[in-house]
């Protein structure tokens, strides 16, 4: 099972999961399948997937947008949490891993709630503007870090007033604290974090869940 970046105490993490997680058998099977992949660290950890699902339920989300599908761990969790008449649109660059996602969505009988779009995320987000301007209740962003600021600007237009935009990996394995780190993804996340802090269009909270998530509430 994927490790939580911020838990050096494996026994404490084991306790957290033992007394917190409520994964379905399909979720467990998907997690096992994902953990066999070389890129398994790309997936959200189970407690993070459950947190996203809880947020979707708390705000009674009807429309969810996910930027970055991978094997569908987070989209499966949210799809299981929302009502039958709700919809998730999720996008990714390629089908290498989304084929896995689709198999488990079908197994969990939530595939009718999920629309998968394959292609560059920025192109997908731009294409959604005409039909879905301010229509999404929750947007989860976990894709190419170099484009995070652009994802935010598109996301702000697509999310409804009082909706949520959630960013993954905002602590970026601790690299964000180094002002001399010029790696493109690190710089992009630093820019996003600074932009969110000073953007009075949203209220924010950065949380130390796994590699860090920020929840931005559209005022």
N, C-alpha and C. Protein backbone atom coordinates (compact mmCIF):
# COMPACT_ATOMS: atom_id res chain seq x y z
N UNK A 1 0.85 -1.20 0.00
CA UNK A 1 0.00 0.00 0.00
C UNK A 1 0.88 1.25 0.00
N UNK A 2 0.48 2.29 -0.71
CA UNK A 2 1.27 3.50 -0.80
C UNK A 2 1.52 4.11 0.57
N UNK A 3 2.72 4.65 0.74
CA UNK A 3 3.07 5.27 2.00
C UNK A 3 2.69 6.74 2.00
N UNK A 4 2.35 7.25 3.16
CA UNK A 4 2.02 8.66 3.33
C UNK A 4 3.31 9.43 3.55
N UNK A 5 3.57 10.45 2.73
CA UNK A 5 4.82 11.19 2.77
C UNK A 5 5.17 11.71 4.16
N UNK A 6 4.17 12.12 4.93
CA UNK A 6 4.42 12.82 6.18
C UNK A 6 4.39 11.92 7.40
N UNK A 7 4.28 10.61 7.20
CA UNK A 7 4.28 9.68 8.32
C UNK A 7 5.57 8.87 8.31
N UNK A 8 6.53 9.25 9.14
CA UNK A 8 7.74 8.46 9.26
C UNK A 8 7.52 7.27 10.17
N UNK A 9 6.49 7.35 11.02
CA UNK A 9 6.16 6.27 11.95
C UNK A 9 5.17 5.33 11.27
N UNK A 10 5.66 4.21 10.76
CA UNK A 10 4.81 3.30 10.01
C UNK A 10 3.73 2.67 10.88
N UNK A 11 4.01 2.50 12.17
CA UNK A 11 3.01 1.92 13.06
C UNK A 11 1.85 2.89 13.28
N UNK A 12 2.18 4.18 13.37
CA UNK A 12 1.12 5.18 13.53
C UNK A 12 0.28 5.28 12.26
N UNK A 13 0.92 5.19 11.10
CA UNK A 13 0.18 5.20 9.85
C UNK A 13 -0.72 3.97 9.76
N UNK A 14 -0.21 2.83 10.18
CA UNK A 14 -1.01 1.61 10.20
C UNK A 14 -2.23 1.78 11.09
N UNK A 15 -2.04 2.43 12.24
CA UNK A 15 -3.16 2.68 13.17
C UNK A 15 -4.18 3.61 12.52
N UNK A 16 -3.68 4.68 11.90
CA UNK A 16 -4.58 5.64 11.25
C UNK A 16 -5.47 4.94 10.23
N UNK A 17 -4.85 4.07 9.43
CA UNK A 17 -5.62 3.38 8.40
C UNK A 17 -6.55 2.33 8.99
N UNK A 18 -6.12 1.69 10.05
CA UNK A 18 -6.94 0.66 10.68
C UNK A 18 -8.23 1.23 11.24
N UNK A 19 -8.14 2.44 11.80
CA UNK A 19 -9.30 3.03 12.47
C UNK A 19 -9.94 4.18 11.68
N UNK A 20 -9.59 4.28 10.40
CA UNK A 20 -10.17 5.34 9.59
C UNK A 20 -10.71 4.85 8.26
N UNK A 21 -9.96 3.97 7.59
CA UNK A 21 -10.33 3.61 6.22
C UNK A 21 -11.57 2.73 6.14
N UNK A 22 -12.41 3.06 5.16
CA UNK A 22 -13.57 2.23 4.84
C UNK A 22 -13.55 1.97 3.34
N UNK A 23 -12.62 1.18 2.89
CA UNK A 23 -12.50 0.89 1.46
C UNK A 23 -13.38 -0.30 1.08
N UNK A 24 -14.01 -0.19 -0.07
CA UNK A 24 -14.76 -1.32 -0.61
C UNK A 24 -13.77 -2.36 -1.13
N UNK A 25 -14.26 -3.55 -1.42
CA UNK A 25 -13.39 -4.60 -1.96
C UNK A 25 -12.82 -4.18 -3.31
N UNK A 26 -13.61 -3.48 -4.10
CA UNK A 26 -13.12 -3.00 -5.39
C UNK A 26 -12.02 -1.97 -5.21
N UNK A 27 -12.17 -1.08 -4.24
CA UNK A 27 -11.12 -0.10 -3.96
C UNK A 27 -9.83 -0.78 -3.52
N UNK A 28 -9.95 -1.79 -2.68
CA UNK A 28 -8.77 -2.52 -2.23
C UNK A 28 -8.08 -3.21 -3.40
N UNK A 29 -8.88 -3.79 -4.28
CA UNK A 29 -8.32 -4.48 -5.44
C UNK A 29 -7.61 -3.50 -6.38
N UNK A 30 -8.21 -2.33 -6.58
CA UNK A 30 -7.58 -1.30 -7.40
C UNK A 30 -6.29 -0.82 -6.75
N UNK A 31 -6.31 -0.65 -5.46
CA UNK A 31 -5.11 -0.24 -4.75
C UNK A 31 -3.99 -1.27 -4.95
N UNK A 32 -4.32 -2.53 -4.81
CA UNK A 32 -3.33 -3.60 -5.00
C UNK A 32 -2.78 -3.58 -6.43
N UNK A 33 -3.67 -3.41 -7.39
CA UNK A 33 -3.25 -3.35 -8.79
C UNK A 33 -2.33 -2.15 -9.03
N UNK A 34 -2.69 -1.01 -8.47
CA UNK A 34 -1.90 0.21 -8.64
C UNK A 34 -0.53 0.07 -8.01
N UNK A 35 -0.47 -0.56 -6.85
CA UNK A 35 0.80 -0.70 -6.14
C UNK A 35 1.81 -1.59 -6.87
N UNK A 36 1.34 -2.34 -7.86
CA UNK A 36 2.24 -3.17 -8.65
C UNK A 36 2.95 -2.37 -9.74
N UNK A 37 2.47 -1.16 -9.99
CA UNK A 37 3.04 -0.33 -11.04
C UNK A 37 4.28 0.40 -10.57
N UNK A 38 5.20 0.60 -11.48
CA UNK A 38 6.42 1.36 -11.15
C UNK A 38 6.07 2.78 -10.72
N UNK A 39 5.00 3.32 -11.28
CA UNK A 39 4.58 4.70 -10.98
C UNK A 39 3.52 4.76 -9.90
N UNK A 40 3.47 3.78 -9.04
CA UNK A 40 2.41 3.70 -8.02
C UNK A 40 2.35 4.94 -7.13
N UNK A 41 3.48 5.62 -6.96
CA UNK A 41 3.50 6.81 -6.10
C UNK A 41 2.67 7.95 -6.67
N UNK A 42 2.28 7.85 -7.94
CA UNK A 42 1.44 8.89 -8.52
C UNK A 42 0.03 8.87 -7.95
N UNK A 43 -0.39 7.75 -7.44
CA UNK A 43 -1.76 7.62 -6.93
C UNK A 43 -1.91 8.31 -5.58
N UNK A 44 -3.10 8.81 -5.30
CA UNK A 44 -3.37 9.34 -3.97
C UNK A 44 -3.37 8.18 -2.98
N UNK A 45 -2.96 8.47 -1.75
CA UNK A 45 -2.99 7.43 -0.71
C UNK A 45 -4.44 7.22 -0.29
N UNK A 46 -4.76 6.07 0.31
CA UNK A 46 -6.17 5.75 0.58
C UNK A 46 -6.87 6.74 1.50
N UNK A 47 -6.16 7.26 2.51
CA UNK A 47 -6.81 8.22 3.40
C UNK A 47 -7.11 9.53 2.68
N UNK A 48 -6.32 9.85 1.66
CA UNK A 48 -6.58 11.04 0.86
C UNK A 48 -7.79 10.83 -0.05
N UNK A 49 -7.88 9.67 -0.65
CA UNK A 49 -9.04 9.35 -1.48
C UNK A 49 -10.32 9.42 -0.66
N UNK A 50 -10.26 8.89 0.55
CA UNK A 50 -11.44 8.91 1.42
C UNK A 50 -11.79 10.33 1.83
N UNK A 51 -10.79 11.18 2.03
CA UNK A 51 -11.03 12.58 2.38
C UNK A 51 -11.72 13.31 1.23
N UNK A 52 -11.26 13.07 0.02
CA UNK A 52 -11.90 13.68 -1.15
C UNK A 52 -13.35 13.24 -1.27
N UNK A 53 -13.59 11.95 -1.05
CA UNK A 53 -14.96 11.43 -1.11
C UNK A 53 -15.84 12.08 -0.05
N UNK A 54 -15.28 12.28 1.13
CA UNK A 54 -16.04 12.91 2.21
C UNK A 54 -16.37 14.36 1.87
N UNK A 55 -15.41 15.09 1.31
CA UNK A 55 -15.67 16.47 0.90
C UNK A 55 -16.78 16.52 -0.14
N UNK A 56 -16.73 15.61 -1.10
CA UNK A 56 -17.77 15.56 -2.14
C UNK A 56 -19.14 15.34 -1.52
N UNK A 57 -19.18 14.49 -0.51
CA UNK A 57 -20.45 14.20 0.16
C UNK A 57 -20.90 15.39 1.01
N UNK A 58 -19.98 16.02 1.71
CA UNK A 58 -20.31 17.16 2.58
C UNK A 58 -20.96 18.29 1.78
N UNK A 59 -20.39 18.59 0.62
CA UNK A 59 -20.92 19.71 -0.17
C UNK A 59 -22.03 19.25 -1.14
N UNK A 60 -22.39 17.97 -1.06
CA UNK A 60 -23.43 17.42 -1.92
C UNK A 60 -23.11 17.67 -3.40
N UNK A 61 -21.89 17.32 -3.78
CA UNK A 61 -21.42 17.59 -5.13
C UNK A 61 -22.23 16.83 -6.17
N UNK A 62 -22.66 17.55 -7.18
CA UNK A 62 -23.38 16.96 -8.31
C UNK A 62 -22.48 16.83 -9.54
N UNK A 63 -21.55 17.77 -9.67
CA UNK A 63 -20.63 17.79 -10.80
C UNK A 63 -19.21 17.90 -10.26
N UNK A 64 -18.37 16.95 -10.63
CA UNK A 64 -16.97 16.93 -10.19
C UNK A 64 -16.07 16.86 -11.41
N UNK A 65 -14.99 17.62 -11.37
CA UNK A 65 -13.97 17.57 -12.42
C UNK A 65 -12.66 17.13 -11.80
N UNK A 66 -12.03 16.15 -12.43
CA UNK A 66 -10.73 15.67 -11.96
C UNK A 66 -9.71 15.86 -13.08
N UNK A 67 -8.61 16.53 -12.76
CA UNK A 67 -7.54 16.75 -13.73
C UNK A 67 -6.39 15.82 -13.35
N UNK A 68 -6.27 14.73 -14.09
CA UNK A 68 -5.28 13.71 -13.78
C UNK A 68 -5.96 12.46 -13.23
N UNK A 69 -6.15 11.47 -14.06
CA UNK A 69 -6.92 10.28 -13.69
C UNK A 69 -6.05 9.18 -13.10
N UNK A 70 -4.93 8.90 -13.75
CA UNK A 70 -4.04 7.77 -13.46
C UNK A 70 -4.86 6.48 -13.44
N UNK A 71 -4.83 5.72 -12.36
CA UNK A 71 -5.58 4.45 -12.33
C UNK A 71 -6.97 4.59 -11.73
N UNK A 72 -7.38 5.82 -11.45
CA UNK A 72 -8.76 6.05 -11.03
C UNK A 72 -9.05 5.86 -9.56
N UNK A 73 -8.02 5.90 -8.72
CA UNK A 73 -8.23 5.70 -7.27
C UNK A 73 -9.13 6.78 -6.69
N UNK A 74 -8.82 8.05 -6.98
CA UNK A 74 -9.61 9.14 -6.40
C UNK A 74 -10.98 9.25 -7.05
N UNK A 75 -11.06 9.06 -8.36
CA UNK A 75 -12.37 9.14 -9.02
C UNK A 75 -13.29 8.02 -8.58
N UNK A 76 -12.73 6.84 -8.34
CA UNK A 76 -13.55 5.73 -7.83
C UNK A 76 -14.10 6.07 -6.45
N UNK A 77 -13.26 6.59 -5.58
CA UNK A 77 -13.70 6.94 -4.22
C UNK A 77 -14.82 7.98 -4.25
N UNK A 78 -14.65 9.01 -5.08
CA UNK A 78 -15.67 10.05 -5.16
C UNK A 78 -16.94 9.54 -5.81
N UNK A 79 -16.80 8.71 -6.83
CA UNK A 79 -17.99 8.16 -7.50
C UNK A 79 -18.82 7.31 -6.56
N UNK A 80 -18.16 6.58 -5.68
CA UNK A 80 -18.89 5.77 -4.70
C UNK A 80 -19.60 6.62 -3.66
N UNK A 81 -19.12 7.85 -3.47
CA UNK A 81 -19.68 8.72 -2.43
C UNK A 81 -20.85 9.56 -2.91
N UNK A 82 -20.91 9.83 -4.21
CA UNK A 82 -21.95 10.73 -4.71
C UNK A 82 -23.19 9.96 -5.15
N UNK A 83 -24.29 10.69 -5.36
CA UNK A 83 -25.56 10.07 -5.73
C UNK A 83 -25.55 9.60 -7.19
N UNK A 84 -26.56 8.81 -7.53
CA UNK A 84 -26.61 8.18 -8.85
C UNK A 84 -26.72 9.18 -9.98
N UNK A 85 -27.36 10.33 -9.73
CA UNK A 85 -27.57 11.30 -10.79
C UNK A 85 -26.43 12.30 -10.91
N UNK A 86 -25.32 12.06 -10.22
CA UNK A 86 -24.18 12.96 -10.25
C UNK A 86 -23.18 12.52 -11.32
N UNK A 87 -22.26 13.42 -11.65
CA UNK A 87 -21.32 13.13 -12.73
C UNK A 87 -19.91 13.56 -12.36
N UNK A 88 -18.94 12.74 -12.78
CA UNK A 88 -17.53 13.08 -12.69
C UNK A 88 -16.96 13.12 -14.10
N UNK A 89 -16.31 14.21 -14.44
CA UNK A 89 -15.52 14.27 -15.67
C UNK A 89 -14.06 14.21 -15.25
N UNK A 90 -13.33 13.26 -15.78
CA UNK A 90 -11.91 13.12 -15.43
C UNK A 90 -11.10 13.08 -16.71
N UNK A 91 -9.93 13.70 -16.68
CA UNK A 91 -9.12 13.78 -17.90
C UNK A 91 -7.69 13.34 -17.64
N UNK A 92 -7.09 12.76 -18.67
CA UNK A 92 -5.71 12.32 -18.58
C UNK A 92 -5.10 12.37 -19.98
N UNK A 93 -3.78 12.25 -20.03
CA UNK A 93 -3.07 12.36 -21.30
C UNK A 93 -3.15 11.10 -22.14
N UNK A 94 -3.19 9.92 -21.49
CA UNK A 94 -3.09 8.68 -22.25
C UNK A 94 -3.90 7.58 -21.58
N UNK A 95 -4.09 6.50 -22.32
CA UNK A 95 -4.93 5.40 -21.83
C UNK A 95 -4.15 4.30 -21.13
N UNK A 96 -2.84 4.46 -21.02
CA UNK A 96 -2.00 3.41 -20.43
C UNK A 96 -2.50 2.98 -19.06
N UNK A 97 -2.90 3.97 -18.24
CA UNK A 97 -3.36 3.68 -16.89
C UNK A 97 -4.87 3.82 -16.74
N UNK A 98 -5.47 4.64 -17.59
CA UNK A 98 -6.92 4.82 -17.47
C UNK A 98 -7.69 3.57 -17.86
N UNK A 99 -7.06 2.68 -18.64
CA UNK A 99 -7.70 1.40 -18.93
C UNK A 99 -7.94 0.61 -17.64
N UNK A 100 -6.98 0.71 -16.73
CA UNK A 100 -7.13 0.08 -15.41
C UNK A 100 -8.30 0.73 -14.67
N UNK A 101 -8.32 2.06 -14.70
CA UNK A 101 -9.38 2.81 -14.02
C UNK A 101 -10.76 2.37 -14.51
N UNK A 102 -10.91 2.30 -15.81
CA UNK A 102 -12.23 1.97 -16.38
C UNK A 102 -12.68 0.58 -15.98
N UNK A 103 -11.73 -0.34 -15.87
CA UNK A 103 -12.09 -1.71 -15.47
C UNK A 103 -12.66 -1.74 -14.06
N UNK A 104 -12.04 -0.98 -13.17
CA UNK A 104 -12.51 -0.99 -11.77
C UNK A 104 -13.74 -0.12 -11.57
N UNK A 105 -13.89 0.94 -12.36
CA UNK A 105 -15.14 1.70 -12.30
C UNK A 105 -16.31 0.80 -12.66
N UNK A 106 -16.11 0.01 -13.71
CA UNK A 106 -17.18 -0.91 -14.14
C UNK A 106 -17.45 -1.97 -13.08
N UNK A 107 -16.39 -2.48 -12.48
CA UNK A 107 -16.56 -3.50 -11.45
C UNK A 107 -17.36 -2.96 -10.26
N UNK A 108 -17.13 -1.68 -9.94
CA UNK A 108 -17.85 -1.04 -8.82
C UNK A 108 -19.22 -0.52 -9.23
N UNK A 109 -19.54 -0.65 -10.52
CA UNK A 109 -20.83 -0.20 -11.06
C UNK A 109 -21.03 1.31 -10.91
N UNK A 110 -19.94 2.06 -11.10
CA UNK A 110 -20.03 3.52 -11.09
C UNK A 110 -19.58 4.12 -12.42
N UNK A 111 -19.32 3.27 -13.41
CA UNK A 111 -18.82 3.76 -14.69
C UNK A 111 -19.81 4.68 -15.39
N UNK A 112 -21.10 4.54 -15.08
CA UNK A 112 -22.10 5.41 -15.69
C UNK A 112 -22.05 6.83 -15.13
N UNK A 113 -21.35 7.02 -14.02
CA UNK A 113 -21.22 8.36 -13.42
C UNK A 113 -19.98 9.09 -13.93
N UNK A 114 -19.08 8.37 -14.62
CA UNK A 114 -17.76 8.92 -14.93
C UNK A 114 -17.56 9.04 -16.43
N UNK A 115 -17.18 10.23 -16.86
CA UNK A 115 -16.80 10.47 -18.26
C UNK A 115 -15.30 10.72 -18.32
N UNK A 116 -14.61 9.94 -19.13
CA UNK A 116 -13.16 10.06 -19.28
C UNK A 116 -12.84 10.79 -20.58
N UNK A 117 -12.00 11.81 -20.48
CA UNK A 117 -11.54 12.55 -21.66
C UNK A 117 -10.02 12.38 -21.76
N UNK A 118 -9.56 11.93 -22.92
CA UNK A 118 -8.13 11.73 -23.14
C UNK A 118 -7.58 12.87 -23.99
N UNK A 119 -6.49 13.48 -23.53
CA UNK A 119 -5.86 14.57 -24.26
C UNK A 119 -5.15 15.50 -23.30
N UNK A 120 -4.40 16.47 -23.82
CA UNK A 120 -3.70 17.44 -22.96
C UNK A 120 -4.70 18.16 -22.05
N UNK A 121 -4.36 18.25 -20.78
CA UNK A 121 -5.30 18.80 -19.80
C UNK A 121 -5.70 20.24 -20.11
N UNK A 122 -4.76 21.06 -20.52
CA UNK A 122 -5.09 22.46 -20.80
C UNK A 122 -6.10 22.57 -21.94
N UNK A 123 -5.93 21.74 -22.96
CA UNK A 123 -6.90 21.73 -24.07
C UNK A 123 -8.27 21.28 -23.60
N UNK A 124 -8.28 20.25 -22.75
CA UNK A 124 -9.55 19.75 -22.22
C UNK A 124 -10.26 20.81 -21.39
N UNK A 125 -9.52 21.46 -20.51
CA UNK A 125 -10.12 22.48 -19.65
C UNK A 125 -10.69 23.63 -20.48
N UNK A 126 -9.95 24.04 -21.49
CA UNK A 126 -10.44 25.13 -22.35
C UNK A 126 -11.71 24.70 -23.08
N UNK A 127 -11.75 23.44 -23.51
CA UNK A 127 -12.92 22.96 -24.25
C UNK A 127 -14.17 22.86 -23.37
N UNK A 128 -13.98 22.77 -22.06
CA UNK A 128 -15.12 22.64 -21.15
C UNK A 128 -15.77 23.98 -20.82
N UNK A 129 -15.09 25.08 -21.12
CA UNK A 129 -15.57 26.39 -20.68
C UNK A 129 -16.95 26.74 -21.23
N UNK A 130 -17.20 26.46 -22.49
CA UNK A 130 -18.48 26.85 -23.09
C UNK A 130 -19.67 26.18 -22.40
N UNK A 131 -19.54 24.89 -22.12
CA UNK A 131 -20.66 24.13 -21.58
C UNK A 131 -20.71 24.12 -20.06
N UNK A 132 -19.55 24.25 -19.42
CA UNK A 132 -19.49 24.01 -17.98
C UNK A 132 -18.99 25.21 -17.17
N UNK A 133 -19.13 26.41 -17.70
CA UNK A 133 -18.71 27.60 -16.96
C UNK A 133 -19.44 27.67 -15.62
N UNK A 134 -18.69 27.69 -14.53
CA UNK A 134 -19.21 27.76 -13.16
C UNK A 134 -20.22 26.64 -12.87
N UNK A 135 -19.99 25.47 -13.43
CA UNK A 135 -20.93 24.36 -13.24
C UNK A 135 -20.43 23.31 -12.24
N UNK A 136 -19.12 23.24 -12.01
CA UNK A 136 -18.59 22.18 -11.16
C UNK A 136 -18.65 22.57 -9.68
N UNK A 137 -19.00 21.61 -8.86
CA UNK A 137 -19.04 21.82 -7.41
C UNK A 137 -17.66 21.59 -6.79
N UNK A 138 -16.92 20.67 -7.36
CA UNK A 138 -15.60 20.30 -6.82
C UNK A 138 -14.68 19.97 -7.98
N UNK A 139 -13.47 20.51 -7.92
CA UNK A 139 -12.44 20.21 -8.91
C UNK A 139 -11.20 19.71 -8.18
N UNK A 140 -10.71 18.55 -8.58
CA UNK A 140 -9.49 17.99 -7.98
C UNK A 140 -8.39 17.99 -9.03
N UNK A 141 -7.28 18.63 -8.70
CA UNK A 141 -6.18 18.81 -9.65
C UNK A 141 -4.95 18.04 -9.18
N UNK A 142 -4.55 17.07 -10.01
CA UNK A 142 -3.40 16.22 -9.68
C UNK A 142 -2.77 15.75 -10.99
N UNK A 143 -2.22 16.71 -11.73
CA UNK A 143 -1.65 16.39 -13.04
C UNK A 143 -0.30 17.09 -13.18
N UNK A 144 0.09 17.40 -14.39
CA UNK A 144 1.39 18.01 -14.67
C UNK A 144 1.61 19.25 -13.81
N UNK A 145 2.57 19.17 -12.91
CA UNK A 145 2.77 20.25 -11.94
C UNK A 145 3.18 21.57 -12.60
N UNK A 146 3.86 21.49 -13.72
CA UNK A 146 4.34 22.70 -14.39
C UNK A 146 3.19 23.59 -14.84
N UNK A 147 2.01 23.01 -14.98
CA UNK A 147 0.85 23.78 -15.46
C UNK A 147 -0.14 24.11 -14.34
N UNK A 148 0.26 23.97 -13.10
CA UNK A 148 -0.67 24.15 -11.99
C UNK A 148 -1.33 25.53 -11.97
N UNK A 149 -0.58 26.58 -12.25
CA UNK A 149 -1.17 27.92 -12.22
C UNK A 149 -2.23 28.06 -13.31
N UNK A 150 -1.94 27.52 -14.48
CA UNK A 150 -2.93 27.55 -15.58
C UNK A 150 -4.15 26.72 -15.24
N UNK A 151 -3.93 25.55 -14.62
CA UNK A 151 -5.07 24.73 -14.19
C UNK A 151 -5.95 25.52 -13.22
N UNK A 152 -5.31 26.27 -12.35
CA UNK A 152 -6.06 27.04 -11.36
C UNK A 152 -6.95 28.08 -12.05
N UNK A 153 -6.39 28.79 -13.02
CA UNK A 153 -7.17 29.84 -13.68
C UNK A 153 -8.36 29.25 -14.45
N UNK A 154 -8.14 28.12 -15.10
CA UNK A 154 -9.26 27.44 -15.75
C UNK A 154 -10.25 26.92 -14.70
N UNK A 155 -9.70 26.32 -13.66
CA UNK A 155 -10.55 25.76 -12.61
C UNK A 155 -11.42 26.82 -11.95
N UNK A 156 -10.86 28.00 -11.75
CA UNK A 156 -11.62 29.08 -11.13
C UNK A 156 -12.84 29.45 -11.98
N UNK A 157 -12.68 29.40 -13.29
CA UNK A 157 -13.80 29.71 -14.18
C UNK A 157 -14.84 28.59 -14.21
N UNK A 158 -14.37 27.36 -14.02
CA UNK A 158 -15.26 26.21 -14.14
C UNK A 158 -16.00 25.86 -12.85
N UNK A 159 -15.45 26.26 -11.71
CA UNK A 159 -16.09 25.92 -10.44
C UNK A 159 -17.15 26.96 -10.10
N UNK A 160 -18.22 26.52 -9.49
CA UNK A 160 -19.29 27.44 -9.11
C UNK A 160 -18.88 28.28 -7.90
N UNK A 161 -19.60 29.35 -7.67
CA UNK A 161 -19.40 30.13 -6.45
C UNK A 161 -19.66 29.22 -5.25
N UNK A 162 -18.78 29.29 -4.27
CA UNK A 162 -18.82 28.46 -3.06
C UNK A 162 -18.44 27.00 -3.34
N UNK A 163 -17.87 26.75 -4.52
CA UNK A 163 -17.35 25.43 -4.82
C UNK A 163 -15.90 25.30 -4.38
N UNK A 164 -15.35 24.10 -4.53
CA UNK A 164 -14.00 23.80 -4.06
C UNK A 164 -13.07 23.43 -5.21
N UNK A 165 -11.85 23.97 -5.16
CA UNK A 165 -10.76 23.51 -6.03
C UNK A 165 -9.70 22.93 -5.10
N UNK A 166 -9.31 21.69 -5.34
CA UNK A 166 -8.38 20.99 -4.46
C UNK A 166 -7.13 20.62 -5.26
N UNK A 167 -5.98 21.00 -4.74
CA UNK A 167 -4.71 20.73 -5.40
C UNK A 167 -3.92 19.70 -4.61
N UNK A 168 -3.36 18.73 -5.32
CA UNK A 168 -2.50 17.73 -4.69
C UNK A 168 -1.03 18.12 -4.84
N UNK A 169 -0.18 17.56 -3.97
CA UNK A 169 1.28 17.70 -4.06
C UNK A 169 1.78 19.13 -3.86
N UNK A 170 1.10 19.91 -3.04
CA UNK A 170 1.52 21.30 -2.86
C UNK A 170 2.75 21.45 -1.96
N UNK A 171 3.17 20.38 -1.31
CA UNK A 171 4.42 20.41 -0.54
C UNK A 171 5.57 19.78 -1.33
N UNK A 172 5.24 19.03 -2.36
CA UNK A 172 6.20 18.51 -3.34
C UNK A 172 7.43 17.89 -2.70
N UNK A 173 7.16 16.98 -1.77
CA UNK A 173 8.22 16.23 -1.09
C UNK A 173 9.22 17.16 -0.39
N UNK A 174 8.73 18.32 0.05
CA UNK A 174 9.57 19.27 0.78
C UNK A 174 10.40 20.19 -0.09
N UNK A 175 10.40 19.99 -1.39
CA UNK A 175 11.24 20.79 -2.28
C UNK A 175 10.82 22.26 -2.32
N UNK A 176 9.56 22.53 -2.00
CA UNK A 176 9.04 23.90 -2.10
C UNK A 176 9.69 24.85 -1.10
N UNK A 177 10.31 24.33 -0.05
CA UNK A 177 10.90 25.23 0.95
C UNK A 177 12.26 25.76 0.52
N UNK A 178 12.80 25.25 -0.56
CA UNK A 178 14.11 25.68 -1.04
C UNK A 178 13.94 26.75 -2.11
N UNK A 179 14.23 28.03 -1.79
CA UNK A 179 14.03 29.10 -2.76
C UNK A 179 15.00 29.03 -3.93
N UNK A 180 16.04 28.22 -3.80
CA UNK A 180 17.05 28.11 -4.86
C UNK A 180 16.81 26.91 -5.77
N UNK A 181 15.73 26.20 -5.54
CA UNK A 181 15.41 25.05 -6.39
C UNK A 181 14.74 25.56 -7.67
N UNK A 182 15.42 25.40 -8.79
CA UNK A 182 14.93 25.92 -10.06
C UNK A 182 14.26 24.88 -10.95
N UNK A 183 14.03 23.69 -10.39
CA UNK A 183 13.36 22.65 -11.16
C UNK A 183 11.94 23.14 -11.51
N UNK A 184 11.51 22.92 -12.74
CA UNK A 184 10.29 23.55 -13.26
C UNK A 184 9.05 23.24 -12.43
N UNK A 185 8.88 21.98 -12.06
CA UNK A 185 7.69 21.61 -11.29
C UNK A 185 7.70 22.26 -9.92
N UNK A 186 8.87 22.30 -9.30
CA UNK A 186 8.99 22.92 -7.98
C UNK A 186 8.65 24.40 -8.05
N UNK A 187 9.21 25.08 -9.03
CA UNK A 187 8.95 26.52 -9.19
C UNK A 187 7.46 26.76 -9.45
N UNK A 188 6.85 25.91 -10.25
CA UNK A 188 5.42 26.07 -10.56
C UNK A 188 4.56 25.91 -9.32
N UNK A 189 4.89 24.94 -8.48
CA UNK A 189 4.10 24.75 -7.25
C UNK A 189 4.34 25.90 -6.28
N UNK A 190 5.57 26.39 -6.21
CA UNK A 190 5.85 27.57 -5.38
C UNK A 190 5.02 28.76 -5.85
N UNK A 191 4.94 28.93 -7.14
CA UNK A 191 4.14 30.03 -7.71
C UNK A 191 2.67 29.87 -7.37
N UNK A 192 2.17 28.65 -7.51
CA UNK A 192 0.77 28.40 -7.18
C UNK A 192 0.49 28.70 -5.72
N UNK A 193 1.34 28.20 -4.84
CA UNK A 193 1.13 28.41 -3.40
C UNK A 193 1.12 29.89 -3.05
N UNK A 194 2.02 30.65 -3.66
CA UNK A 194 2.05 32.09 -3.42
C UNK A 194 0.81 32.77 -3.99
N UNK A 195 0.41 32.36 -5.18
CA UNK A 195 -0.77 32.95 -5.82
C UNK A 195 -2.02 32.71 -4.98
N UNK A 196 -2.19 31.48 -4.51
CA UNK A 196 -3.36 31.16 -3.71
C UNK A 196 -3.38 31.94 -2.40
N UNK A 197 -2.21 32.11 -1.79
CA UNK A 197 -2.13 32.85 -0.53
C UNK A 197 -2.62 34.28 -0.69
N UNK A 198 -2.32 34.89 -1.84
CA UNK A 198 -2.62 36.31 -2.03
C UNK A 198 -3.86 36.57 -2.88
N UNK A 199 -4.57 35.53 -3.27
CA UNK A 199 -5.74 35.68 -4.13
C UNK A 199 -7.00 35.77 -3.26
N UNK A 200 -7.55 36.98 -3.13
CA UNK A 200 -8.71 37.15 -2.25
C UNK A 200 -10.02 36.69 -2.89
N UNK A 201 -9.93 36.11 -4.08
CA UNK A 201 -11.13 35.51 -4.69
C UNK A 201 -11.48 34.19 -4.03
N UNK A 202 -10.51 33.63 -3.30
CA UNK A 202 -10.71 32.32 -2.67
C UNK A 202 -10.29 32.37 -1.21
N UNK A 203 -10.86 31.46 -0.43
CA UNK A 203 -10.39 31.19 0.93
C UNK A 203 -9.68 29.84 0.88
N UNK A 204 -8.56 29.72 1.59
CA UNK A 204 -7.75 28.52 1.42
C UNK A 204 -7.35 27.88 2.74
N UNK A 205 -7.02 26.61 2.64
CA UNK A 205 -6.37 25.89 3.74
C UNK A 205 -5.42 24.87 3.13
N UNK A 206 -4.14 24.95 3.51
CA UNK A 206 -3.16 23.95 3.10
C UNK A 206 -3.04 22.92 4.21
N UNK A 207 -3.21 21.66 3.85
CA UNK A 207 -3.25 20.60 4.85
C UNK A 207 -2.12 19.60 4.63
N UNK A 208 -1.52 19.10 5.72
CA UNK A 208 -0.42 18.14 5.60
C UNK A 208 -0.92 16.71 5.42
N UNK A 209 -1.71 16.50 4.39
CA UNK A 209 -2.18 15.16 4.05
C UNK A 209 -1.28 14.63 2.94
N UNK A 210 -0.59 13.55 3.21
CA UNK A 210 0.37 12.96 2.28
C UNK A 210 1.37 14.00 1.80
N UNK A 211 1.38 14.34 0.52
CA UNK A 211 2.35 15.30 -0.02
C UNK A 211 1.81 16.72 -0.01
N UNK A 212 0.79 16.95 0.81
CA UNK A 212 0.21 18.28 0.94
C UNK A 212 -0.92 18.53 -0.04
N UNK A 213 -2.06 18.98 0.47
CA UNK A 213 -3.15 19.40 -0.40
C UNK A 213 -3.61 20.80 0.03
N UNK A 214 -4.06 21.56 -0.93
CA UNK A 214 -4.67 22.86 -0.64
C UNK A 214 -6.11 22.83 -1.11
N UNK A 215 -7.00 23.25 -0.23
CA UNK A 215 -8.41 23.39 -0.57
C UNK A 215 -8.68 24.88 -0.76
N UNK A 216 -9.15 25.25 -1.94
CA UNK A 216 -9.49 26.63 -2.24
C UNK A 216 -11.01 26.73 -2.42
N UNK A 217 -11.62 27.57 -1.62
CA UNK A 217 -13.07 27.77 -1.64
C UNK A 217 -13.35 29.06 -2.41
N UNK A 218 -14.15 28.98 -3.46
CA UNK A 218 -14.45 30.15 -4.28
C UNK A 218 -15.43 31.05 -3.54
N UNK A 219 -14.98 32.23 -3.17
CA UNK A 219 -15.80 33.16 -2.38
C UNK A 219 -16.98 33.69 -3.19
